[in-house]
N, C-alpha and C. Protein backbone atom coordinates (compact mmCIF):
# COMPACT_ATOMS: atom_id res chain seq x y z
N MET A 1 25.76 -26.44 8.01
CA MET A 1 25.63 -25.35 8.96
C MET A 1 25.58 -24.02 8.24
N LEU A 2 26.44 -23.82 7.26
CA LEU A 2 26.50 -22.56 6.53
C LEU A 2 25.34 -22.43 5.53
N LYS A 3 24.84 -23.55 5.03
CA LYS A 3 23.79 -23.53 4.03
C LYS A 3 22.53 -22.81 4.52
N PRO A 4 21.98 -23.11 5.71
CA PRO A 4 20.79 -22.39 6.18
C PRO A 4 21.06 -20.89 6.31
N PHE A 5 22.24 -20.53 6.76
CA PHE A 5 22.57 -19.12 6.90
C PHE A 5 22.58 -18.42 5.54
N VAL A 6 23.13 -19.08 4.52
CA VAL A 6 23.16 -18.52 3.17
C VAL A 6 21.74 -18.35 2.64
N TYR A 7 20.88 -19.38 2.84
CA TYR A 7 19.49 -19.27 2.39
C TYR A 7 18.78 -18.12 3.09
N LEU A 8 19.00 -17.98 4.37
CA LEU A 8 18.38 -16.90 5.11
C LEU A 8 18.88 -15.55 4.60
N LEU A 9 20.17 -15.44 4.38
CA LEU A 9 20.75 -14.20 3.87
C LEU A 9 20.19 -13.86 2.49
N LEU A 10 20.08 -14.86 1.62
CA LEU A 10 19.51 -14.62 0.30
C LEU A 10 18.05 -14.19 0.39
N ALA A 11 17.31 -14.81 1.29
CA ALA A 11 15.90 -14.43 1.46
C ALA A 11 15.78 -13.00 1.94
N VAL A 12 16.59 -12.60 2.89
CA VAL A 12 16.54 -11.24 3.39
C VAL A 12 16.95 -10.24 2.32
N MET A 13 17.96 -10.59 1.53
CA MET A 13 18.44 -9.67 0.50
C MET A 13 17.42 -9.48 -0.62
N THR A 14 16.54 -10.45 -0.83
CA THR A 14 15.56 -10.33 -1.89
C THR A 14 14.20 -9.89 -1.38
N MET A 15 14.10 -9.45 -0.15
CA MET A 15 12.82 -8.99 0.37
C MET A 15 12.32 -7.84 -0.48
N PRO A 16 11.07 -7.90 -0.94
CA PRO A 16 10.59 -6.96 -1.91
C PRO A 16 10.30 -5.56 -1.39
N VAL A 17 9.68 -5.40 -0.26
CA VAL A 17 9.39 -4.06 0.22
C VAL A 17 10.59 -3.56 0.98
N LEU A 18 11.04 -2.43 0.56
CA LEU A 18 12.23 -1.88 1.18
C LEU A 18 11.84 -0.65 1.98
N ALA A 19 11.22 -0.85 3.13
CA ALA A 19 10.83 0.24 4.00
C ALA A 19 11.74 0.22 5.21
N ALA A 20 13.00 0.42 4.97
CA ALA A 20 13.97 0.40 6.04
C ALA A 20 14.64 1.76 6.11
N GLN A 21 15.11 2.08 7.28
CA GLN A 21 15.80 3.33 7.50
C GLN A 21 14.95 4.51 7.06
N ASP A 22 13.65 4.44 7.36
CA ASP A 22 12.72 5.53 7.13
C ASP A 22 12.56 5.92 5.66
N THR A 23 12.75 4.98 4.74
CA THR A 23 12.53 5.23 3.32
C THR A 23 11.83 4.02 2.70
N LEU A 24 10.81 4.29 1.92
CA LEU A 24 10.11 3.25 1.18
C LEU A 24 10.61 3.31 -0.26
N ARG A 25 11.18 2.19 -0.74
CA ARG A 25 11.78 2.16 -2.08
C ARG A 25 11.23 0.98 -2.89
N LEU A 26 10.92 1.28 -4.15
CA LEU A 26 10.60 0.25 -5.14
C LEU A 26 11.25 0.67 -6.45
N PRO A 27 11.85 -0.24 -7.18
CA PRO A 27 12.51 0.12 -8.43
C PRO A 27 11.51 0.34 -9.57
N ALA A 28 11.97 1.02 -10.63
CA ALA A 28 11.16 1.16 -11.84
C ALA A 28 10.84 -0.23 -12.36
N ASP A 29 9.68 -0.40 -12.93
CA ASP A 29 9.18 -1.67 -13.46
C ASP A 29 8.81 -2.68 -12.38
N ALA A 30 8.86 -2.30 -11.11
CA ALA A 30 8.39 -3.19 -10.05
C ALA A 30 6.88 -3.39 -10.24
N ARG A 31 6.41 -4.57 -9.92
CA ARG A 31 4.98 -4.85 -10.00
C ARG A 31 4.46 -5.22 -8.62
N VAL A 32 3.32 -4.63 -8.26
CA VAL A 32 2.66 -4.94 -6.99
C VAL A 32 1.21 -5.30 -7.29
N GLU A 33 0.65 -6.20 -6.49
CA GLU A 33 -0.73 -6.60 -6.68
C GLU A 33 -1.64 -5.74 -5.84
N VAL A 34 -2.78 -5.35 -6.44
CA VAL A 34 -3.73 -4.46 -5.78
C VAL A 34 -5.16 -4.87 -6.08
N GLN A 35 -6.08 -4.28 -5.33
CA GLN A 35 -7.52 -4.41 -5.55
C GLN A 35 -8.15 -3.06 -5.27
N LEU A 36 -9.34 -2.83 -5.82
CA LEU A 36 -10.09 -1.62 -5.53
C LEU A 36 -10.72 -1.72 -4.15
N ILE A 37 -10.95 -0.58 -3.54
CA ILE A 37 -11.68 -0.54 -2.26
C ILE A 37 -13.17 -0.71 -2.53
N ASP A 38 -13.70 0.02 -3.53
CA ASP A 38 -15.12 -0.05 -3.90
C ASP A 38 -15.25 -0.38 -5.38
N SER A 39 -16.39 -0.92 -5.75
CA SER A 39 -16.66 -1.27 -7.13
C SER A 39 -16.72 0.00 -8.00
N VAL A 40 -16.26 -0.12 -9.25
CA VAL A 40 -16.29 0.98 -10.21
C VAL A 40 -16.96 0.49 -11.48
N THR A 41 -17.93 1.26 -11.97
CA THR A 41 -18.63 0.94 -13.21
C THR A 41 -18.39 2.04 -14.21
N LEU A 42 -17.99 1.65 -15.42
CA LEU A 42 -17.77 2.59 -16.52
C LEU A 42 -18.60 2.15 -17.71
N ASP A 43 -19.14 3.13 -18.44
CA ASP A 43 -19.85 2.83 -19.68
C ASP A 43 -19.52 3.93 -20.69
N ARG A 44 -20.13 3.87 -21.87
CA ARG A 44 -19.80 4.83 -22.92
C ARG A 44 -20.20 6.26 -22.56
N THR A 45 -21.22 6.46 -21.74
CA THR A 45 -21.61 7.82 -21.35
C THR A 45 -20.79 8.34 -20.16
N SER A 46 -20.28 7.45 -19.38
CA SER A 46 -19.43 7.81 -18.24
C SER A 46 -18.18 6.93 -18.30
N SER A 47 -17.26 7.30 -19.20
CA SER A 47 -16.13 6.43 -19.50
C SER A 47 -14.89 6.70 -18.65
N GLU A 48 -14.94 7.70 -17.77
CA GLU A 48 -13.79 8.00 -16.91
C GLU A 48 -14.22 8.15 -15.47
N LYS A 49 -13.33 7.76 -14.58
CA LYS A 49 -13.57 7.93 -13.14
C LYS A 49 -12.24 8.29 -12.50
N ASN A 50 -12.22 9.37 -11.73
CA ASN A 50 -11.00 9.84 -11.06
C ASN A 50 -11.05 9.53 -9.57
N ASN A 51 -9.88 9.52 -8.97
CA ASN A 51 -9.71 9.34 -7.52
C ASN A 51 -10.30 8.04 -6.99
N ILE A 52 -10.04 6.97 -7.71
CA ILE A 52 -10.41 5.63 -7.27
C ILE A 52 -9.40 5.20 -6.21
N LEU A 53 -9.86 4.52 -5.18
CA LEU A 53 -8.96 4.06 -4.13
C LEU A 53 -8.62 2.58 -4.30
N LEU A 54 -7.32 2.29 -4.22
CA LEU A 54 -6.81 0.93 -4.32
C LEU A 54 -6.08 0.58 -3.03
N ARG A 55 -5.94 -0.71 -2.79
CA ARG A 55 -5.16 -1.19 -1.65
C ARG A 55 -4.28 -2.34 -2.12
N PRO A 56 -3.09 -2.47 -1.55
CA PRO A 56 -2.24 -3.60 -1.93
C PRO A 56 -2.77 -4.90 -1.34
N VAL A 57 -2.52 -6.00 -2.04
CA VAL A 57 -2.85 -7.32 -1.53
C VAL A 57 -1.61 -8.18 -1.67
N SER A 58 -1.54 -9.20 -0.87
CA SER A 58 -0.41 -10.13 -0.99
C SER A 58 -0.96 -11.53 -1.10
N HIS A 59 -0.37 -12.29 -2.00
CA HIS A 59 -0.76 -13.68 -2.21
C HIS A 59 0.47 -14.55 -2.04
N VAL A 60 0.28 -15.70 -1.46
CA VAL A 60 1.39 -16.62 -1.24
C VAL A 60 1.99 -17.05 -2.58
N GLN A 61 1.14 -17.33 -3.56
CA GLN A 61 1.62 -17.80 -4.85
C GLN A 61 1.51 -16.68 -5.89
N SER A 62 2.07 -15.56 -5.60
CA SER A 62 2.01 -14.41 -6.49
C SER A 62 3.17 -14.42 -7.46
N SER A 63 2.93 -13.88 -8.65
CA SER A 63 4.00 -13.79 -9.64
C SER A 63 4.81 -12.51 -9.48
N VAL A 64 4.34 -11.58 -8.63
CA VAL A 64 5.08 -10.34 -8.42
C VAL A 64 6.13 -10.54 -7.35
N SER A 65 7.18 -9.75 -7.43
CA SER A 65 8.26 -9.91 -6.46
C SER A 65 8.34 -8.73 -5.51
N TYR A 66 7.42 -7.78 -5.61
CA TYR A 66 7.45 -6.61 -4.73
C TYR A 66 6.11 -6.45 -4.05
N GLN A 67 6.16 -5.90 -2.85
CA GLN A 67 4.94 -5.62 -2.10
C GLN A 67 5.08 -4.27 -1.42
N LEU A 68 3.95 -3.61 -1.28
CA LEU A 68 3.89 -2.39 -0.49
C LEU A 68 3.53 -2.79 0.93
N PRO A 69 3.75 -1.90 1.89
CA PRO A 69 3.29 -2.22 3.25
C PRO A 69 1.80 -2.55 3.24
N LYS A 70 1.36 -3.30 4.20
CA LYS A 70 -0.01 -3.78 4.28
C LYS A 70 -1.03 -2.64 4.33
N HIS A 71 -0.68 -1.55 5.00
CA HIS A 71 -1.61 -0.45 5.20
C HIS A 71 -1.28 0.69 4.24
N CYS A 72 -1.81 0.62 3.03
CA CYS A 72 -1.59 1.64 2.00
C CYS A 72 -2.89 1.98 1.30
N LEU A 73 -2.99 3.22 0.85
CA LEU A 73 -4.07 3.64 -0.04
C LEU A 73 -3.42 4.28 -1.25
N ILE A 74 -3.90 3.88 -2.41
CA ILE A 74 -3.38 4.39 -3.68
C ILE A 74 -4.55 5.05 -4.40
N THR A 75 -4.33 6.26 -4.93
CA THR A 75 -5.36 6.90 -5.74
C THR A 75 -5.03 6.70 -7.20
N ALA A 76 -6.08 6.52 -8.01
CA ALA A 76 -5.89 6.24 -9.43
C ALA A 76 -7.04 6.81 -10.24
N ASN A 77 -6.83 6.88 -11.55
CA ASN A 77 -7.86 7.28 -12.51
C ASN A 77 -8.09 6.11 -13.46
N ALA A 78 -9.36 5.91 -13.86
CA ALA A 78 -9.70 4.83 -14.78
C ALA A 78 -10.37 5.41 -16.01
N GLN A 79 -10.10 4.78 -17.16
CA GLN A 79 -10.70 5.22 -18.41
C GLN A 79 -11.06 4.00 -19.24
N LEU A 80 -12.30 3.96 -19.72
CA LEU A 80 -12.76 2.88 -20.58
C LEU A 80 -12.22 3.12 -21.99
N THR A 81 -11.52 2.12 -22.54
CA THR A 81 -11.02 2.22 -23.92
C THR A 81 -11.85 1.26 -24.78
N ASP A 82 -11.36 0.92 -25.94
CA ASP A 82 -12.12 0.06 -26.85
C ASP A 82 -12.54 -1.26 -26.21
N ASP A 83 -11.60 -1.95 -25.56
CA ASP A 83 -11.95 -3.26 -25.01
C ASP A 83 -11.48 -3.50 -23.58
N ARG A 84 -10.81 -2.52 -22.98
CA ARG A 84 -10.31 -2.68 -21.61
C ARG A 84 -10.43 -1.36 -20.86
N VAL A 85 -10.14 -1.45 -19.56
CA VAL A 85 -10.08 -0.24 -18.73
C VAL A 85 -8.61 0.05 -18.46
N ARG A 86 -8.19 1.26 -18.79
CA ARG A 86 -6.83 1.70 -18.48
C ARG A 86 -6.88 2.42 -17.14
N LEU A 87 -5.98 2.04 -16.27
CA LEU A 87 -5.96 2.60 -14.93
C LEU A 87 -4.54 3.09 -14.64
N THR A 88 -4.42 4.36 -14.26
CA THR A 88 -3.12 4.93 -13.92
C THR A 88 -3.20 5.55 -12.53
N THR A 89 -2.10 5.44 -11.80
CA THR A 89 -2.09 5.91 -10.42
C THR A 89 -1.62 7.35 -10.32
N GLN A 90 -1.94 7.96 -9.19
CA GLN A 90 -1.54 9.33 -8.90
C GLN A 90 -0.66 9.40 -7.66
N SER A 91 -1.14 8.82 -6.57
CA SER A 91 -0.43 8.96 -5.30
C SER A 91 -0.58 7.72 -4.45
N VAL A 92 0.28 7.64 -3.43
CA VAL A 92 0.23 6.54 -2.49
C VAL A 92 0.51 7.08 -1.09
N THR A 93 -0.19 6.54 -0.11
CA THR A 93 0.07 6.84 1.30
C THR A 93 0.09 5.51 2.04
N CYS A 94 1.19 5.25 2.74
CA CYS A 94 1.36 3.98 3.46
C CYS A 94 1.75 4.26 4.91
N VAL A 95 1.32 3.37 5.77
CA VAL A 95 1.73 3.40 7.17
C VAL A 95 2.39 2.06 7.45
N GLU A 96 3.66 2.10 7.78
CA GLU A 96 4.42 0.89 8.12
C GLU A 96 4.33 0.71 9.62
N THR A 97 3.70 -0.37 10.07
CA THR A 97 3.41 -0.57 11.49
C THR A 97 4.32 -1.59 12.15
N GLU A 98 5.45 -1.89 11.56
CA GLU A 98 6.36 -2.89 12.13
C GLU A 98 6.97 -2.46 13.46
N ASP A 99 7.26 -1.19 13.62
CA ASP A 99 7.88 -0.69 14.84
C ASP A 99 6.83 -0.13 15.78
N SER A 100 7.26 0.19 17.00
CA SER A 100 6.34 0.81 17.95
C SER A 100 6.00 2.23 17.50
N GLN A 101 6.87 2.84 16.70
CA GLN A 101 6.63 4.16 16.13
C GLN A 101 6.33 3.98 14.64
N PRO A 102 5.06 3.93 14.22
CA PRO A 102 4.75 3.70 12.81
C PRO A 102 5.30 4.82 11.92
N ASP A 103 5.79 4.43 10.73
CA ASP A 103 6.27 5.39 9.76
C ASP A 103 5.18 5.66 8.74
N VAL A 104 5.06 6.91 8.30
CA VAL A 104 4.09 7.31 7.29
C VAL A 104 4.85 7.73 6.04
N PHE A 105 4.47 7.13 4.91
CA PHE A 105 5.08 7.45 3.62
C PHE A 105 3.98 7.94 2.70
N SER A 106 4.20 9.07 2.04
CA SER A 106 3.18 9.61 1.15
C SER A 106 3.86 10.36 0.02
N GLY A 107 3.34 10.17 -1.20
CA GLY A 107 3.90 10.87 -2.34
C GLY A 107 3.29 10.41 -3.64
N GLU A 108 3.91 10.84 -4.73
CA GLU A 108 3.43 10.52 -6.07
C GLU A 108 3.81 9.09 -6.44
N LEU A 109 2.90 8.41 -7.12
CA LEU A 109 3.14 7.06 -7.60
C LEU A 109 2.75 7.01 -9.07
N SER A 110 3.70 6.70 -9.91
CA SER A 110 3.46 6.61 -11.35
C SER A 110 3.45 5.14 -11.76
N ALA A 111 2.25 4.60 -12.01
CA ALA A 111 2.12 3.18 -12.36
C ALA A 111 0.89 2.99 -13.23
N ALA A 112 0.88 1.91 -13.99
CA ALA A 112 -0.24 1.55 -14.85
C ALA A 112 -0.69 0.13 -14.50
N ALA A 113 -1.96 -0.15 -14.76
CA ALA A 113 -2.54 -1.45 -14.41
C ALA A 113 -2.35 -2.47 -15.51
N TYR A 114 -2.05 -3.70 -15.07
CA TYR A 114 -1.93 -4.87 -15.93
C TYR A 114 -2.69 -6.01 -15.30
N GLU A 115 -3.26 -6.86 -16.14
CA GLU A 115 -3.88 -8.07 -15.61
C GLU A 115 -2.77 -8.99 -15.11
N ARG A 116 -3.12 -9.94 -14.29
CA ARG A 116 -2.12 -10.86 -13.72
C ARG A 116 -1.45 -11.71 -14.80
N ASP A 117 -2.11 -11.84 -15.97
CA ASP A 117 -1.50 -12.59 -17.08
C ASP A 117 -0.54 -11.74 -17.89
N GLY A 118 -0.38 -10.47 -17.51
CA GLY A 118 0.56 -9.58 -18.18
C GLY A 118 -0.07 -8.65 -19.19
N GLY A 119 -1.36 -8.81 -19.50
CA GLY A 119 -2.03 -7.94 -20.47
C GLY A 119 -2.22 -6.53 -19.95
N PHE A 120 -1.95 -5.54 -20.80
CA PHE A 120 -2.08 -4.13 -20.41
C PHE A 120 -3.55 -3.77 -20.24
N GLY A 121 -3.86 -3.03 -19.19
CA GLY A 121 -5.23 -2.64 -18.91
C GLY A 121 -5.99 -3.77 -18.22
N LEU A 122 -7.21 -3.45 -17.79
CA LEU A 122 -8.01 -4.43 -17.07
C LEU A 122 -9.08 -5.02 -17.98
N ASP A 123 -9.13 -6.33 -18.02
CA ASP A 123 -10.09 -7.06 -18.83
C ASP A 123 -11.36 -7.27 -17.99
N VAL A 124 -12.18 -6.23 -17.90
CA VAL A 124 -13.36 -6.27 -17.03
C VAL A 124 -14.63 -5.89 -17.78
N CYS A 125 -14.61 -6.08 -19.10
CA CYS A 125 -15.76 -5.73 -19.93
C CYS A 125 -16.90 -6.72 -19.68
N HIS A 126 -18.10 -6.19 -19.43
CA HIS A 126 -19.27 -7.03 -19.20
C HIS A 126 -20.22 -7.02 -20.40
N GLU A 127 -20.19 -5.94 -21.19
CA GLU A 127 -21.03 -5.85 -22.38
C GLU A 127 -20.25 -5.18 -23.49
N SER A 128 -20.43 -5.68 -24.72
CA SER A 128 -19.77 -5.08 -25.88
C SER A 128 -20.81 -4.71 -26.92
N GLN A 129 -20.49 -3.67 -27.67
CA GLN A 129 -21.37 -3.22 -28.74
C GLN A 129 -20.50 -2.75 -29.89
N ASP A 130 -20.72 -3.28 -31.07
CA ASP A 130 -19.94 -2.92 -32.25
C ASP A 130 -18.44 -3.13 -32.04
N GLY A 131 -18.08 -4.21 -31.36
CA GLY A 131 -16.67 -4.53 -31.14
C GLY A 131 -15.99 -3.69 -30.08
N GLN A 132 -16.74 -2.86 -29.36
CA GLN A 132 -16.17 -2.03 -28.30
C GLN A 132 -16.89 -2.30 -26.99
N CYS A 133 -16.14 -2.19 -25.91
CA CYS A 133 -16.73 -2.40 -24.58
C CYS A 133 -17.71 -1.26 -24.29
N SER A 134 -18.93 -1.63 -23.91
CA SER A 134 -19.92 -0.61 -23.58
C SER A 134 -20.23 -0.57 -22.09
N LEU A 135 -19.80 -1.59 -21.35
CA LEU A 135 -20.00 -1.62 -19.90
C LEU A 135 -18.87 -2.41 -19.26
N ALA A 136 -18.18 -1.77 -18.34
CA ALA A 136 -17.09 -2.43 -17.61
C ALA A 136 -17.31 -2.23 -16.12
N VAL A 137 -17.07 -3.29 -15.36
CA VAL A 137 -17.22 -3.24 -13.91
C VAL A 137 -15.96 -3.82 -13.28
N ILE A 138 -15.32 -3.03 -12.42
CA ILE A 138 -14.17 -3.51 -11.66
C ILE A 138 -14.66 -3.77 -10.24
N ALA A 139 -14.69 -5.03 -9.86
CA ALA A 139 -15.15 -5.41 -8.52
C ALA A 139 -13.99 -5.37 -7.54
N PRO A 140 -14.28 -5.14 -6.26
CA PRO A 140 -13.21 -5.09 -5.25
C PRO A 140 -12.40 -6.38 -5.12
N ASP A 141 -12.94 -7.51 -5.53
CA ASP A 141 -12.19 -8.76 -5.41
C ASP A 141 -11.34 -9.06 -6.65
N HIS A 142 -11.36 -8.17 -7.64
CA HIS A 142 -10.55 -8.35 -8.86
C HIS A 142 -9.11 -7.92 -8.57
N THR A 143 -8.20 -8.87 -8.55
CA THR A 143 -6.79 -8.58 -8.27
C THR A 143 -6.06 -8.35 -9.58
N PHE A 144 -5.28 -7.27 -9.62
CA PHE A 144 -4.48 -6.96 -10.79
C PHE A 144 -3.15 -6.38 -10.33
N GLN A 145 -2.29 -6.07 -11.28
CA GLN A 145 -0.95 -5.59 -10.94
C GLN A 145 -0.75 -4.16 -11.40
N LEU A 146 0.01 -3.43 -10.61
CA LEU A 146 0.48 -2.11 -11.00
C LEU A 146 1.95 -2.24 -11.36
N SER A 147 2.31 -1.72 -12.51
CA SER A 147 3.72 -1.71 -12.93
C SER A 147 4.21 -0.27 -12.83
N LEU A 148 5.22 -0.07 -12.00
CA LEU A 148 5.74 1.28 -11.80
C LEU A 148 6.45 1.78 -13.05
N GLY A 149 6.14 3.01 -13.43
CA GLY A 149 6.78 3.63 -14.58
C GLY A 149 8.13 4.21 -14.23
N ARG A 150 8.30 4.56 -12.98
CA ARG A 150 9.59 5.05 -12.48
C ARG A 150 9.73 4.62 -11.03
N SER A 151 10.96 4.65 -10.56
CA SER A 151 11.22 4.16 -9.20
C SER A 151 10.48 5.01 -8.17
N LEU A 152 10.19 4.38 -7.07
CA LEU A 152 9.50 5.04 -5.95
C LEU A 152 10.47 5.13 -4.79
N GLN A 153 10.65 6.33 -4.28
CA GLN A 153 11.48 6.52 -3.09
C GLN A 153 10.82 7.60 -2.25
N LEU A 154 10.23 7.17 -1.15
CA LEU A 154 9.52 8.09 -0.27
C LEU A 154 10.16 8.05 1.11
N ASP A 155 10.51 9.22 1.62
CA ASP A 155 11.04 9.32 2.97
C ASP A 155 9.89 9.36 3.96
N ALA A 156 10.12 8.82 5.13
CA ALA A 156 9.09 8.83 6.17
C ALA A 156 8.79 10.27 6.56
N GLN A 157 7.51 10.53 6.77
CA GLN A 157 7.07 11.86 7.18
C GLN A 157 6.82 11.85 8.68
N SER A 158 6.72 13.04 9.23
CA SER A 158 6.41 13.09 10.66
C SER A 158 5.03 12.50 10.87
N ASN A 159 4.90 11.79 11.97
CA ASN A 159 3.65 11.11 12.28
C ASN A 159 3.02 11.80 13.49
N PRO A 160 2.06 12.72 13.25
CA PRO A 160 1.48 13.49 14.36
C PRO A 160 0.85 12.62 15.45
N SER A 161 0.20 11.53 15.06
CA SER A 161 -0.44 10.69 16.08
C SER A 161 0.62 10.01 16.96
N ALA A 162 1.76 9.64 16.38
CA ALA A 162 2.83 9.04 17.18
C ALA A 162 3.38 10.06 18.17
N GLU A 163 3.53 11.31 17.73
CA GLU A 163 4.00 12.36 18.64
C GLU A 163 3.01 12.61 19.76
N ILE A 164 1.72 12.63 19.45
CA ILE A 164 0.69 12.84 20.47
C ILE A 164 0.71 11.69 21.47
N ASN A 165 0.82 10.46 20.96
CA ASN A 165 0.88 9.29 21.86
C ASN A 165 2.12 9.33 22.74
N LYS A 166 3.24 9.76 22.19
CA LYS A 166 4.48 9.86 22.96
C LYS A 166 4.32 10.87 24.10
N ARG A 167 3.74 12.02 23.80
CA ARG A 167 3.51 13.04 24.83
C ARG A 167 2.54 12.54 25.90
N ARG A 168 1.48 11.84 25.46
CA ARG A 168 0.50 11.31 26.40
C ARG A 168 1.13 10.29 27.34
N ARG A 169 1.97 9.38 26.77
CA ARG A 169 2.64 8.39 27.62
C ARG A 169 3.58 9.07 28.61
N HIS A 170 4.28 10.09 28.14
CA HIS A 170 5.19 10.83 29.02
C HIS A 170 4.41 11.50 30.15
N ALA A 171 3.27 12.10 29.82
CA ALA A 171 2.43 12.74 30.85
C ALA A 171 1.89 11.71 31.82
N ASP A 172 1.49 10.53 31.30
CA ASP A 172 1.00 9.46 32.18
C ASP A 172 2.10 9.00 33.13
N GLU A 173 3.33 8.85 32.61
CA GLU A 173 4.45 8.43 33.45
C GLU A 173 4.75 9.48 34.51
N GLN A 174 4.67 10.74 34.13
CA GLN A 174 4.91 11.82 35.10
C GLN A 174 3.83 11.82 36.18
N GLY A 175 2.59 11.56 35.78
CA GLY A 175 1.49 11.51 36.74
C GLY A 175 1.66 10.36 37.72
N GLU A 176 2.08 9.19 37.22
CA GLU A 176 2.31 8.04 38.09
C GLU A 176 3.48 8.30 39.03
N ALA A 177 4.52 8.94 38.54
CA ALA A 177 5.70 9.22 39.37
C ALA A 177 5.35 10.21 40.47
N SER A 178 4.45 11.16 40.21
CA SER A 178 4.11 12.14 41.24
C SER A 178 3.24 11.54 42.33
N ASN A 179 2.63 10.39 42.09
CA ASN A 179 1.80 9.73 43.10
C ASN A 179 2.63 8.88 44.06
N LEU A 180 3.91 8.64 43.76
CA LEU A 180 4.76 7.84 44.64
C LEU A 180 5.29 8.69 45.78
N PRO A 181 5.43 8.11 46.99
CA PRO A 181 6.03 8.83 48.10
C PRO A 181 7.50 9.13 47.81
N ALA A 182 8.08 9.98 48.58
CA ALA A 182 9.47 10.43 48.38
C ALA A 182 10.46 9.26 48.37
N ASN A 183 10.21 8.18 49.11
CA ASN A 183 11.15 7.06 49.14
C ASN A 183 11.01 6.15 47.93
N GLY A 184 10.03 6.41 47.03
CA GLY A 184 9.88 5.64 45.79
C GLY A 184 9.06 4.38 45.93
N SER A 185 8.61 4.03 47.14
CA SER A 185 7.80 2.83 47.30
C SER A 185 6.33 3.22 47.18
N ALA A 186 5.54 2.25 46.82
CA ALA A 186 4.11 2.50 46.67
C ALA A 186 3.48 2.70 48.03
N PRO A 187 2.43 3.50 48.11
CA PRO A 187 1.74 3.72 49.39
C PRO A 187 1.21 2.39 49.93
N ALA A 188 1.10 2.28 51.23
CA ALA A 188 0.61 1.05 51.89
C ALA A 188 -0.78 0.73 51.40
N GLY A 189 -1.04 -0.56 51.23
CA GLY A 189 -2.37 -1.02 50.80
C GLY A 189 -2.49 -1.11 49.31
N GLU A 190 -1.44 -0.78 48.55
CA GLU A 190 -1.52 -0.90 47.09
C GLU A 190 -0.69 -2.02 46.61
């Protein structure tokens, strides 16, 4: 009887995304799996690309123990090096939709990209010349990991759309209440 409760408690205690009590937290060295939104091509004449958009992904058999909320956008910069692409992040914006009032988290994210096998940088070289990568392509289906350089702690921000929806619902309720007769019953025929 106690065993299932202990397993459940252990599972809850090890839940990776900590977006509770209006704060999104991840420890330093946490790893999350991500993919690009759009394909990125780098070559020797255009070896850097800024403001690339990433999104978190979750896999059932993932080696990472942390996840970001499902609805996140991460901005990053990519640079072609000798044999790999180095990718570093700038910022993250997430919307946690678990509650009826979604929480918005936004701030700086300091992380670097690693292949799923643990290798630093992305192994996405398509052509090499003189022992150096001359063409690299990161496709949207290429899953890799971000390793946080420092802990992430973002407080929930005000959500303007939630406030607008709340006011609209309140106005709708007031409109419906004003259509009721003084005794509170619906008019005949309705």
